[in-house]
């Protein structure tokens, strides 16, 4: 993986998807029924959260898995590939020794180098991210699923999901669970506490939902890198009126089937 492959991104539009996938149903956003978010862990020893939303933002599935094979099997059994939009959070590498440096990578993923006088030269910048995400992205693409990478830390800030509790603590999970229901309009949220990896996966699923029902440039932007991977950059949540309109359209489409 080169440095440019994960850092240098080029803005694109939804119309460009037809160029990426000519005569491929995944380029059409009108036939998408399920929106999948994956909070992929840096390695197989840590749990990976998966969440699935439907067109009306009802929770369809929530799971915790480990290896890439199980993740791909889950997607294969979920629905036809052309009906799915997938958003994958790109995890930072666990090989980064400094917690401060890990936080810097998390909040500034597009910075190639640290230019402060005390900074050590970074010979291989792409080592800052776990290679597992790249491997899984390529596998999902090979399976014919429309897949985007994104950064969860950015999404939380832009969706207004800031909570006054430590991340992954019981208080933090409960507060984030309430915020997802109130801020993102996610329905059927269980009353018991949802694992933190699944909560982050719900944010990813909502991000996957934006290209179909959000406004490009207002709610999200799309990018590609030099190795032709796609990324979605969330900007803001849908307004209340947009949510009502989306619900009405969804019910109308269901009646016509």
Foldseek 3Di string as FASTA:
>chain_A
DAPQQQAPKDFDDLVCLCVVPPPALLSDLPQAFKFKFWAADLAQVDWIWIWIAGLLQETDDIDIHGDLVVVVVCVVVPDQQSRYEYEYEWAFDPPDDDPVVLVVCLVCVNDQADPDPPDDDDPGSVNRTRCRVVVSLVVSVVSRHHYAYERLVQLCVQLVQDDPDDQQDQVSQVSSLVCCCVRQVRPPRDPDGDGRNNSSRSSRRSQSSCVNQNDDPAQWTWIATPVGHIHIRGHYHDDPVSSVVSVVVVVVVVVVD
